[in-house]
Amino acid sequence: MEQFSIRIAKSEEQRELTRLCVRATRALGYDEAFIDRTMPSLTITVPMITSGAVRVAQDASGNVVGVAAVAPTMVQGIALLHSIFVEPRSWRQGIGRMLFAAAAARARQLNAGAIMIYAEPSAEGFYRRLGATRIGEGPYLLSPEIVLPHFLYIVSHIVPQAATLSIASEAP
């Protein structure tokens, strides 16, 4: 089984990370019109990266295979999972689970006790398996015909096993 690691994103990776988000969205069957409408939510921005919100999964050769971003919200104690995307050719290898563990670690750094998740519908099972609780659903702001399941994940102050993998602490 291939080895993957998680590290803090670098500003110069912004375009590469955004392209990864777009490729993963296309692989789920969404068309170009949908991607055009939803680019604001697919874009990993330099400010997100420089704030320390973005984590990158890479393979043993250093190739980027996934990205996750978690940020504080206006509600004290709740973080938002802005994005979690895995390169389609690397799906079902545990990368999403590793990225989510890194997102939970980031939420702990933010002193958040929970992570709010607005999930892509096909990812509902993934979040349930991670222990997130479905708390409702609602239309996707950028494409209202799609109903997103809403989840809340309670952040444990005990580090999940997947998070014990090395997370490089390079400066963002």
N, C-alpha and C. Protein backbone atom coordinates (compact mmCIF):
# COMPACT_ATOMS: atom_id res chain seq x y z
N MET A 1 0.84 -1.19 0.00
CA MET A 1 0.00 0.00 0.00
C MET A 1 0.88 1.24 0.00
N GLU A 2 0.52 2.20 -0.83
CA GLU A 2 1.31 3.42 -0.96
C GLU A 2 1.24 4.26 0.32
N GLN A 3 2.32 4.95 0.62
CA GLN A 3 2.39 5.83 1.78
C GLN A 3 2.02 7.26 1.38
N PHE A 4 1.26 7.90 2.22
CA PHE A 4 0.87 9.29 2.01
C PHE A 4 1.20 10.07 3.27
N SER A 5 1.42 11.36 3.10
CA SER A 5 1.66 12.21 4.25
C SER A 5 0.87 13.51 4.09
N ILE A 6 0.71 14.20 5.19
CA ILE A 6 -0.05 15.45 5.22
C ILE A 6 0.91 16.57 5.61
N ARG A 7 0.77 17.70 4.95
CA ARG A 7 1.58 18.87 5.29
C ARG A 7 0.77 20.13 5.07
N ILE A 8 1.30 21.23 5.56
CA ILE A 8 0.67 22.53 5.36
C ILE A 8 0.90 22.96 3.91
N ALA A 9 -0.13 23.53 3.30
CA ALA A 9 -0.04 23.98 1.91
C ALA A 9 0.90 25.17 1.78
N LYS A 10 1.44 25.33 0.58
CA LYS A 10 2.31 26.46 0.24
C LYS A 10 1.57 27.38 -0.72
N SER A 11 1.80 28.68 -0.59
CA SER A 11 1.10 29.67 -1.43
C SER A 11 1.26 29.38 -2.92
N GLU A 12 2.45 28.95 -3.32
CA GLU A 12 2.68 28.71 -4.74
C GLU A 12 1.89 27.51 -5.29
N GLU A 13 1.23 26.77 -4.43
CA GLU A 13 0.42 25.62 -4.85
C GLU A 13 -1.04 25.98 -5.11
N GLN A 14 -1.40 27.24 -4.93
CA GLN A 14 -2.80 27.66 -4.99
C GLN A 14 -3.50 27.17 -6.26
N ARG A 15 -2.93 27.40 -7.40
CA ARG A 15 -3.58 26.99 -8.66
C ARG A 15 -3.67 25.47 -8.78
N GLU A 16 -2.60 24.79 -8.42
CA GLU A 16 -2.59 23.33 -8.49
C GLU A 16 -3.68 22.75 -7.59
N LEU A 17 -3.84 23.31 -6.40
CA LEU A 17 -4.85 22.80 -5.46
C LEU A 17 -6.26 23.07 -5.98
N THR A 18 -6.47 24.23 -6.56
CA THR A 18 -7.78 24.55 -7.13
C THR A 18 -8.09 23.61 -8.29
N ARG A 19 -7.11 23.35 -9.13
CA ARG A 19 -7.32 22.42 -10.25
C ARG A 19 -7.68 21.02 -9.75
N LEU A 20 -7.05 20.60 -8.66
CA LEU A 20 -7.38 19.31 -8.06
C LEU A 20 -8.86 19.29 -7.64
N CYS A 21 -9.33 20.37 -7.02
CA CYS A 21 -10.74 20.46 -6.60
C CYS A 21 -11.66 20.34 -7.81
N VAL A 22 -11.30 20.98 -8.90
CA VAL A 22 -12.11 20.93 -10.12
C VAL A 22 -12.10 19.52 -10.71
N ARG A 23 -10.93 18.87 -10.79
CA ARG A 23 -10.86 17.49 -11.32
C ARG A 23 -11.72 16.54 -10.51
N ALA A 24 -11.67 16.66 -9.20
CA ALA A 24 -12.46 15.77 -8.34
C ALA A 24 -13.96 16.02 -8.54
N THR A 25 -14.34 17.26 -8.73
CA THR A 25 -15.75 17.59 -8.96
C THR A 25 -16.22 17.04 -10.31
N ARG A 26 -15.39 17.18 -11.33
CA ARG A 26 -15.74 16.60 -12.64
C ARG A 26 -15.90 15.08 -12.54
N ALA A 27 -15.01 14.44 -11.79
CA ALA A 27 -15.04 12.98 -11.66
C ALA A 27 -16.32 12.51 -10.98
N LEU A 28 -16.97 13.38 -10.22
CA LEU A 28 -18.25 13.03 -9.60
C LEU A 28 -19.41 13.17 -10.57
N GLY A 29 -19.12 13.63 -11.79
CA GLY A 29 -20.15 13.72 -12.82
C GLY A 29 -20.74 15.10 -13.03
N TYR A 30 -20.20 16.12 -12.38
CA TYR A 30 -20.72 17.46 -12.57
C TYR A 30 -20.18 18.05 -13.87
N ASP A 31 -21.02 18.82 -14.56
CA ASP A 31 -20.64 19.37 -15.85
C ASP A 31 -19.95 20.73 -15.72
N GLU A 32 -19.51 21.25 -16.87
CA GLU A 32 -18.77 22.52 -16.89
C GLU A 32 -19.61 23.69 -16.39
N ALA A 33 -20.91 23.69 -16.70
CA ALA A 33 -21.77 24.78 -16.23
C ALA A 33 -21.82 24.79 -14.70
N PHE A 34 -21.91 23.61 -14.09
CA PHE A 34 -21.90 23.52 -12.63
C PHE A 34 -20.56 24.01 -12.09
N ILE A 35 -19.49 23.58 -12.69
CA ILE A 35 -18.16 23.99 -12.22
C ILE A 35 -18.01 25.50 -12.33
N ASP A 36 -18.45 26.09 -13.43
CA ASP A 36 -18.38 27.54 -13.58
C ASP A 36 -19.17 28.25 -12.47
N ARG A 37 -20.37 27.75 -12.17
CA ARG A 37 -21.21 28.37 -11.12
C ARG A 37 -20.58 28.25 -9.74
N THR A 38 -19.88 27.15 -9.51
CA THR A 38 -19.42 26.86 -8.15
C THR A 38 -17.92 27.12 -7.93
N MET A 39 -17.27 27.77 -8.89
CA MET A 39 -15.84 28.05 -8.73
C MET A 39 -15.49 28.75 -7.41
N PRO A 40 -16.34 29.63 -6.89
CA PRO A 40 -15.97 30.23 -5.60
C PRO A 40 -15.76 29.21 -4.49
N SER A 41 -16.52 28.12 -4.51
CA SER A 41 -16.34 27.12 -3.46
C SER A 41 -15.26 26.09 -3.82
N LEU A 42 -14.86 26.03 -5.07
CA LEU A 42 -13.82 25.11 -5.49
C LEU A 42 -12.42 25.73 -5.42
N THR A 43 -12.37 27.03 -5.26
CA THR A 43 -11.10 27.74 -5.28
C THR A 43 -10.42 27.72 -3.92
N ILE A 44 -9.19 27.28 -3.91
CA ILE A 44 -8.33 27.40 -2.73
C ILE A 44 -7.58 28.71 -2.91
N THR A 45 -7.80 29.64 -2.02
CA THR A 45 -7.21 30.98 -2.18
C THR A 45 -5.88 31.10 -1.44
N VAL A 46 -5.08 32.06 -1.87
CA VAL A 46 -3.82 32.33 -1.17
C VAL A 46 -4.08 32.75 0.28
N PRO A 47 -5.08 33.62 0.54
CA PRO A 47 -5.35 33.93 1.96
C PRO A 47 -5.71 32.71 2.81
N MET A 48 -6.43 31.75 2.23
CA MET A 48 -6.73 30.52 2.98
C MET A 48 -5.42 29.81 3.32
N ILE A 49 -4.53 29.75 2.34
CA ILE A 49 -3.26 29.06 2.55
C ILE A 49 -2.42 29.79 3.58
N THR A 50 -2.27 31.10 3.42
CA THR A 50 -1.38 31.84 4.34
C THR A 50 -1.93 31.93 5.76
N SER A 51 -3.24 31.71 5.91
CA SER A 51 -3.82 31.70 7.26
C SER A 51 -3.58 30.38 7.98
N GLY A 52 -3.07 29.39 7.24
CA GLY A 52 -2.82 28.08 7.84
C GLY A 52 -4.00 27.14 7.78
N ALA A 53 -5.03 27.50 7.01
CA ALA A 53 -6.25 26.69 6.95
C ALA A 53 -6.14 25.45 6.07
N VAL A 54 -5.15 25.40 5.18
CA VAL A 54 -5.12 24.37 4.14
C VAL A 54 -4.05 23.32 4.42
N ARG A 55 -4.47 22.07 4.29
CA ARG A 55 -3.56 20.93 4.42
C ARG A 55 -3.55 20.18 3.09
N VAL A 56 -2.40 19.62 2.77
CA VAL A 56 -2.20 18.90 1.51
C VAL A 56 -1.78 17.47 1.82
N ALA A 57 -2.34 16.54 1.06
CA ALA A 57 -1.88 15.15 1.11
C ALA A 57 -0.95 14.95 -0.08
N GLN A 58 0.14 14.26 0.17
CA GLN A 58 1.07 13.96 -0.92
C GLN A 58 1.49 12.51 -0.85
N ASP A 59 1.87 11.97 -2.00
CA ASP A 59 2.34 10.59 -2.04
C ASP A 59 3.84 10.56 -1.71
N ALA A 60 4.42 9.38 -1.74
CA ALA A 60 5.82 9.21 -1.37
C ALA A 60 6.76 9.98 -2.29
N SER A 61 6.32 10.27 -3.52
CA SER A 61 7.15 11.03 -4.47
C SER A 61 6.95 12.53 -4.34
N GLY A 62 6.07 12.95 -3.44
CA GLY A 62 5.81 14.38 -3.25
C GLY A 62 4.72 14.93 -4.14
N ASN A 63 4.03 14.07 -4.89
CA ASN A 63 2.91 14.52 -5.73
C ASN A 63 1.69 14.81 -4.88
N VAL A 64 1.06 15.94 -5.12
CA VAL A 64 -0.14 16.32 -4.38
C VAL A 64 -1.30 15.43 -4.80
N VAL A 65 -1.96 14.80 -3.83
CA VAL A 65 -3.08 13.89 -4.11
C VAL A 65 -4.36 14.28 -3.37
N GLY A 66 -4.31 15.33 -2.56
CA GLY A 66 -5.52 15.74 -1.85
C GLY A 66 -5.32 17.07 -1.16
N VAL A 67 -6.44 17.69 -0.82
CA VAL A 67 -6.42 18.98 -0.14
C VAL A 67 -7.62 19.08 0.79
N ALA A 68 -7.42 19.72 1.92
CA ALA A 68 -8.52 20.01 2.84
C ALA A 68 -8.29 21.39 3.44
N ALA A 69 -9.37 22.09 3.71
CA ALA A 69 -9.27 23.40 4.33
C ALA A 69 -10.34 23.50 5.42
N VAL A 70 -9.91 23.95 6.58
CA VAL A 70 -10.84 24.17 7.69
C VAL A 70 -10.54 25.54 8.27
N ALA A 71 -11.58 26.29 8.56
CA ALA A 71 -11.41 27.66 9.03
C ALA A 71 -12.39 27.96 10.16
N PRO A 72 -12.07 28.97 10.95
CA PRO A 72 -13.01 29.36 12.00
C PRO A 72 -14.26 29.98 11.38
N THR A 73 -15.32 30.01 12.15
CA THR A 73 -16.56 30.66 11.72
C THR A 73 -16.83 31.83 12.66
N MET A 74 -17.93 32.51 12.43
CA MET A 74 -18.33 33.60 13.31
C MET A 74 -18.90 33.06 14.63
N VAL A 75 -19.17 31.76 14.67
CA VAL A 75 -19.71 31.14 15.88
C VAL A 75 -18.54 30.56 16.67
N GLN A 76 -18.32 31.10 17.85
CA GLN A 76 -17.19 30.65 18.66
C GLN A 76 -17.30 29.15 18.93
N GLY A 77 -16.18 28.45 18.72
CA GLY A 77 -16.13 27.03 19.01
C GLY A 77 -16.53 26.12 17.87
N ILE A 78 -16.91 26.71 16.73
CA ILE A 78 -17.28 25.90 15.57
C ILE A 78 -16.41 26.29 14.39
N ALA A 79 -15.77 25.29 13.80
CA ALA A 79 -14.98 25.49 12.59
C ALA A 79 -15.80 25.00 11.40
N LEU A 80 -15.42 25.42 10.21
CA LEU A 80 -16.11 25.01 8.99
C LEU A 80 -15.14 24.23 8.11
N LEU A 81 -15.56 23.05 7.68
CA LEU A 81 -14.79 22.32 6.69
C LEU A 81 -15.11 22.96 5.35
N HIS A 82 -14.21 23.80 4.88
CA HIS A 82 -14.43 24.51 3.62
C HIS A 82 -14.35 23.55 2.45
N SER A 83 -13.37 22.67 2.49
CA SER A 83 -13.20 21.75 1.37
C SER A 83 -12.39 20.53 1.78
N ILE A 84 -12.67 19.45 1.09
CA ILE A 84 -11.85 18.25 1.17
C ILE A 84 -12.02 17.55 -0.18
N PHE A 85 -10.92 17.45 -0.91
CA PHE A 85 -10.92 16.87 -2.23
C PHE A 85 -9.71 15.95 -2.38
N VAL A 86 -9.94 14.83 -3.06
CA VAL A 86 -8.86 13.87 -3.33
C VAL A 86 -8.78 13.67 -4.84
N GLU A 87 -7.56 13.60 -5.33
CA GLU A 87 -7.32 13.32 -6.75
C GLU A 87 -8.08 12.04 -7.12
N PRO A 88 -8.93 12.07 -8.16
CA PRO A 88 -9.75 10.90 -8.48
C PRO A 88 -8.98 9.59 -8.62
N ARG A 89 -7.80 9.61 -9.20
CA ARG A 89 -7.04 8.35 -9.36
C ARG A 89 -6.57 7.80 -8.01
N SER A 90 -6.69 8.61 -6.97
CA SER A 90 -6.25 8.19 -5.63
C SER A 90 -7.40 7.94 -4.67
N TRP A 91 -8.63 7.91 -5.18
CA TRP A 91 -9.79 7.65 -4.32
C TRP A 91 -9.67 6.26 -3.71
N ARG A 92 -10.28 6.11 -2.55
CA ARG A 92 -10.40 4.84 -1.83
C ARG A 92 -9.06 4.27 -1.37
N GLN A 93 -8.15 5.17 -1.01
CA GLN A 93 -6.85 4.75 -0.49
C GLN A 93 -6.60 5.30 0.92
N GLY A 94 -7.63 5.87 1.54
CA GLY A 94 -7.49 6.40 2.89
C GLY A 94 -7.05 7.84 2.97
N ILE A 95 -6.89 8.49 1.83
CA ILE A 95 -6.41 9.87 1.81
C ILE A 95 -7.45 10.82 2.39
N GLY A 96 -8.72 10.63 2.04
CA GLY A 96 -9.78 11.49 2.58
C GLY A 96 -9.85 11.40 4.09
N ARG A 97 -9.69 10.19 4.62
CA ARG A 97 -9.70 9.99 6.07
C ARG A 97 -8.51 10.73 6.71
N MET A 98 -7.34 10.63 6.08
CA MET A 98 -6.16 11.34 6.60
C MET A 98 -6.37 12.85 6.57
N LEU A 99 -6.93 13.35 5.48
CA LEU A 99 -7.18 14.78 5.37
C LEU A 99 -8.20 15.24 6.42
N PHE A 100 -9.21 14.41 6.66
CA PHE A 100 -10.20 14.79 7.66
C PHE A 100 -9.57 14.81 9.06
N ALA A 101 -8.69 13.87 9.34
CA ALA A 101 -7.98 13.87 10.63
C ALA A 101 -7.14 15.13 10.76
N ALA A 102 -6.51 15.56 9.67
CA ALA A 102 -5.72 16.79 9.69
C ALA A 102 -6.63 18.01 9.89
N ALA A 103 -7.83 17.97 9.29
CA ALA A 103 -8.80 19.06 9.48
C ALA A 103 -9.24 19.12 10.94
N ALA A 104 -9.46 17.96 11.55
CA ALA A 104 -9.85 17.93 12.97
C ALA A 104 -8.71 18.47 13.84
N ALA A 105 -7.48 18.13 13.49
CA ALA A 105 -6.32 18.66 14.24
C ALA A 105 -6.27 20.18 14.10
N ARG A 106 -6.54 20.69 12.91
CA ARG A 106 -6.56 22.15 12.71
C ARG A 106 -7.70 22.77 13.53
N ALA A 107 -8.84 22.13 13.57
CA ALA A 107 -9.97 22.65 14.37
C ALA A 107 -9.57 22.72 15.85
N ARG A 108 -8.84 21.71 16.33
CA ARG A 108 -8.37 21.75 17.72
C ARG A 108 -7.44 22.94 17.94
N GLN A 109 -6.57 23.23 16.96
CA GLN A 109 -5.69 24.40 17.07
C GLN A 109 -6.49 25.69 17.16
N LEU A 110 -7.65 25.69 16.52
CA LEU A 110 -8.52 26.87 16.54
C LEU A 110 -9.41 26.90 17.78
N ASN A 111 -9.22 25.93 18.68
CA ASN A 111 -10.05 25.78 19.88
C ASN A 111 -11.52 25.54 19.55
N ALA A 112 -11.75 24.88 18.44
CA ALA A 112 -13.12 24.54 18.05
C ALA A 112 -13.49 23.20 18.65
N GLY A 113 -14.70 23.10 19.12
CA GLY A 113 -15.20 21.84 19.66
C GLY A 113 -16.00 21.05 18.65
N ALA A 114 -16.25 21.67 17.48
CA ALA A 114 -17.03 21.01 16.44
C ALA A 114 -16.65 21.56 15.07
N ILE A 115 -16.90 20.72 14.06
CA ILE A 115 -16.70 21.13 12.68
C ILE A 115 -18.03 21.02 11.96
N MET A 116 -18.44 22.10 11.32
CA MET A 116 -19.64 22.11 10.49
C MET A 116 -19.25 21.66 9.10
N ILE A 117 -20.05 20.76 8.52
CA ILE A 117 -19.75 20.19 7.20
C ILE A 117 -20.99 20.31 6.33
N TYR A 118 -20.84 20.96 5.17
CA TYR A 118 -21.87 20.98 4.14
C TYR A 118 -21.37 20.02 3.07
N ALA A 119 -21.87 18.79 3.08
CA ALA A 119 -21.30 17.71 2.28
C ALA A 119 -21.86 17.62 0.88
N GLU A 120 -21.02 17.22 -0.04
CA GLU A 120 -21.47 16.83 -1.37
C GLU A 120 -22.32 15.58 -1.14
N PRO A 121 -23.49 15.47 -1.78
CA PRO A 121 -24.41 14.36 -1.47
C PRO A 121 -23.78 12.97 -1.50
N SER A 122 -22.90 12.70 -2.44
CA SER A 122 -22.32 11.35 -2.51
C SER A 122 -21.33 11.07 -1.39
N ALA A 123 -20.95 12.10 -0.62
CA ALA A 123 -19.98 11.93 0.47
C ALA A 123 -20.66 11.67 1.82
N GLU A 124 -21.97 11.56 1.83
CA GLU A 124 -22.68 11.38 3.10
C GLU A 124 -22.17 10.17 3.88
N GLY A 125 -22.01 9.04 3.23
CA GLY A 125 -21.53 7.83 3.90
C GLY A 125 -20.13 8.02 4.47
N PHE A 126 -19.28 8.71 3.75
CA PHE A 126 -17.92 9.00 4.20
C PHE A 126 -17.96 9.73 5.55
N TYR A 127 -18.74 10.80 5.64
CA TYR A 127 -18.79 11.57 6.88
C TYR A 127 -19.45 10.79 8.01
N ARG A 128 -20.44 10.00 7.70
CA ARG A 128 -21.07 9.15 8.73
C ARG A 128 -20.05 8.16 9.29
N ARG A 129 -19.26 7.54 8.41
CA ARG A 129 -18.24 6.58 8.87
C ARG A 129 -17.18 7.25 9.74
N LEU A 130 -16.94 8.53 9.53
CA LEU A 130 -15.96 9.25 10.35
C LEU A 130 -16.54 9.67 11.70
N GLY A 131 -17.84 9.50 11.88
CA GLY A 131 -18.46 9.84 13.15
C GLY A 131 -19.22 11.15 13.16
N ALA A 132 -19.38 11.78 12.00
CA ALA A 132 -20.15 13.02 11.94
C ALA A 132 -21.64 12.68 12.03
N THR A 133 -22.38 13.60 12.61
CA THR A 133 -23.82 13.44 12.79
C THR A 133 -24.57 14.33 11.82
N ARG A 134 -25.48 13.74 11.07
CA ARG A 134 -26.28 14.55 10.15
C ARG A 134 -27.25 15.39 10.97
N ILE A 135 -27.25 16.71 10.73
CA ILE A 135 -28.10 17.60 11.51
C ILE A 135 -29.14 18.31 10.64
N GLY A 136 -29.14 18.01 9.35
CA GLY A 136 -30.12 18.62 8.46
C GLY A 136 -29.64 18.61 7.03
N GLU A 137 -30.26 19.45 6.23
CA GLU A 137 -29.89 19.58 4.82
C GLU A 137 -30.39 20.92 4.32
N GLY A 138 -29.85 21.33 3.19
CA GLY A 138 -30.28 22.58 2.59
C GLY A 138 -29.74 22.73 1.20
N PRO A 139 -30.34 23.64 0.43
CA PRO A 139 -29.89 23.85 -0.95
C PRO A 139 -28.48 24.45 -0.97
N TYR A 140 -27.73 24.04 -1.96
CA TYR A 140 -26.39 24.57 -2.17
C TYR A 140 -26.54 25.98 -2.71
N LEU A 141 -26.00 26.95 -2.03
CA LEU A 141 -26.16 28.35 -2.37
C LEU A 141 -25.81 28.65 -3.82
N LEU A 142 -24.75 28.02 -4.34
CA LEU A 142 -24.30 28.31 -5.69
C LEU A 142 -24.99 27.48 -6.77
N SER A 143 -25.78 26.52 -6.36
CA SER A 143 -26.52 25.66 -7.30
C SER A 143 -27.70 25.06 -6.53
N PRO A 144 -28.75 25.87 -6.32
CA PRO A 144 -29.85 25.50 -5.41
C PRO A 144 -30.59 24.20 -5.72
N GLU A 145 -30.45 23.68 -6.95
CA GLU A 145 -31.12 22.41 -7.26
C GLU A 145 -30.48 21.23 -6.54
N ILE A 146 -29.29 21.43 -6.00
CA ILE A 146 -28.59 20.37 -5.26
C ILE A 146 -28.82 20.59 -3.77
N VAL A 147 -29.27 19.54 -3.11
CA VAL A 147 -29.50 19.59 -1.66
C VAL A 147 -28.30 18.95 -0.96
N LEU A 148 -27.66 19.73 -0.11
CA LEU A 148 -26.48 19.26 0.61
C LEU A 148 -26.86 18.76 2.00
N PRO A 149 -26.41 17.56 2.36
CA PRO A 149 -26.59 17.14 3.75
C PRO A 149 -25.65 17.94 4.65
N HIS A 150 -26.13 18.33 5.80
CA HIS A 150 -25.33 19.08 6.77
C HIS A 150 -24.96 18.16 7.91
N PHE A 151 -23.68 18.21 8.30
CA PHE A 151 -23.17 17.37 9.37
C PHE A 151 -22.47 18.22 10.42
N LEU A 152 -22.43 17.68 11.62
CA LEU A 152 -21.63 18.27 12.68
C LEU A 152 -20.72 17.16 13.21
N TYR A 153 -19.45 17.47 13.29
CA TYR A 153 -18.46 16.52 13.80
C TYR A 153 -17.93 17.10 15.11
N ILE A 154 -18.06 16.36 16.18
CA ILE A 154 -17.55 16.78 17.47
C ILE A 154 -16.06 16.48 17.52
N VAL A 155 -15.28 17.52 17.74
CA VAL A 155 -13.83 17.39 17.75
C VAL A 155 -13.38 16.89 19.11
N SER A 156 -12.81 15.73 19.11
CA SER A 156 -12.27 15.16 20.34
C SER A 156 -10.93 15.80 20.62
N HIS A 157 -10.60 15.94 21.86
CA HIS A 157 -9.27 16.45 22.20
C HIS A 157 -8.27 15.32 22.30
N ILE A 158 -8.75 14.12 21.98
CA ILE A 158 -7.87 12.96 21.84
C ILE A 158 -7.58 12.86 20.34
N VAL A 159 -6.33 12.81 19.98
CA VAL A 159 -5.96 12.79 18.57
C VAL A 159 -6.38 11.46 17.94
N PRO A 160 -7.20 11.52 16.84
CA PRO A 160 -7.59 10.28 16.17
C PRO A 160 -6.37 9.56 15.62
N GLN A 161 -6.46 8.24 15.52
CA GLN A 161 -5.34 7.44 15.08
C GLN A 161 -4.78 7.91 13.75
N ALA A 162 -5.63 8.23 12.78
CA ALA A 162 -5.14 8.66 11.46
C ALA A 162 -4.35 9.96 11.56
N ALA A 163 -4.60 10.76 12.59
CA ALA A 163 -3.89 12.03 12.71
C ALA A 163 -2.50 11.86 13.29
N THR A 164 -2.17 10.68 13.74
CA THR A 164 -0.83 10.49 14.29
C THR A 164 0.22 10.39 13.19
N LEU A 165 -0.24 10.32 11.93
CA LEU A 165 0.71 10.34 10.82
C LEU A 165 1.39 11.69 10.82
N SER A 166 2.57 11.75 10.32
CA SER A 166 3.32 13.01 10.41
C SER A 166 2.64 14.12 9.63
N ILE A 167 2.45 15.23 10.29
CA ILE A 167 1.93 16.44 9.66
C ILE A 167 3.06 17.46 9.77
N ALA A 168 3.68 17.74 8.65
CA ALA A 168 4.81 18.67 8.64
C ALA A 168 4.35 20.04 9.09
N SER A 169 5.16 20.69 9.86
CA SER A 169 4.79 22.00 10.37
C SER A 169 5.58 23.10 9.70
N GLU A 170 5.70 23.02 8.37
CA GLU A 170 6.37 24.06 7.62
C GLU A 170 5.56 25.34 7.76
N ALA A 171 6.22 26.45 7.70
CA ALA A 171 5.51 27.71 7.74
C ALA A 171 4.67 27.84 6.48
N PRO A 172 3.41 28.32 6.62
CA PRO A 172 2.54 28.42 5.44
C PRO A 172 3.07 29.44 4.44
